[in-house]
């Protein structure tokens, strides 16, 4: 049976901003096509996408990624059996130990419960299952929890975000979950040079007639750039279906991912720059061969003065590159949809069906439902 892969391509302009910075506070960048480009890491947009799930999916379908898993389980054990409140930490520690999760003392809390060595990504259903197992073992003076049962509770009923983004535990490979989604680092379609904003903050309480120490209460600089970005992600629907085990849940997960990835924005320095925008154009392609990143459309950076400006030029290049690549490799998409603002949407009309965002999400969902139950 042929695979079902959903490719998501986004062209999006971001005004002066610093939405994803490095360890020095500078906007991240990368050299591509021999010139310096603005870059937003895949981790930053994955996080923004996951945050957007809160408004699109029920909490029962999502998970939690944390080191403070003992604290989480303690709360759930206490909710289920208030009479076990005094033993809840002991029970939580025991059930996690049975599952093979290594714990250590917290770095900043002398009297707090232990933490996992690494960030642990568990679905809410899995946390509930582990809490139930701990309560069941509470009848013994010293909790004895079956290891197979504990690992089983941690490896069933995966949440949408765990299934999409995966789970990797170096010391517990049996609990690893292969990610169904891949997210590329976003890069600008043109060369970028960072700029600096010199700012001052006035002390409101300082008397106007004070002559000593006159001036701002604080001064500094913040680095920024502005860019038209090419963003890309894909979803392997078959792998997602295999992890979730349900066609309806798979459709809901893909629809949520498409909408969240398209409309989300990392929050770095957002209060400083108010840089949140929506994409200028979105191209979604359903394939049955392999995912295809179309960044090659921008290997030659768009230059100042290109006909139609950067955004129109970027969308036109995306459409042309996709069309030429499909022809060269005999690649026939299963379906394709395009969302565009004004004439930018028309540039994609020859290779995709023009739709609104709701039409895009609904069309992808219908195709996934049809192909998930074959």
Foldseek 3Di string as FASTA:
>chain_A
DFFKKKKKKFWAWWAWDQLAADPVQAQDWDAFLNFIWGWAAQVLLLVLLLVLVPVQDDLQQAKDWAQVLLVVLLVLLCVVPVVCNVCSSVLSVVLCVLQVFDWDCDDPDPPDRTTTPHTFIARPQLSNQSSVQSNVQVVDPRRDGHSVSSNVSRAPQGHLSCQAQWGDDPRCRVNTHDHQKDWHIKIFLAHKDKDKDKDFAADPPDDPPDDPPDDGPDIDIHITIIGTIMIMMMGRLVSSCVRNVDLVSSLSSVLSSNVSSQQTGRCHCCVVRVGRDGTQKMKMFIFRPDHDDQCVLRSPGDDPPDPPDDSLSVLLSSQVSVVVVCVVVVGDTPAMEMEHDPCSRVSNVVPHPYDHSVVVSVVSSVVSSVVVVD
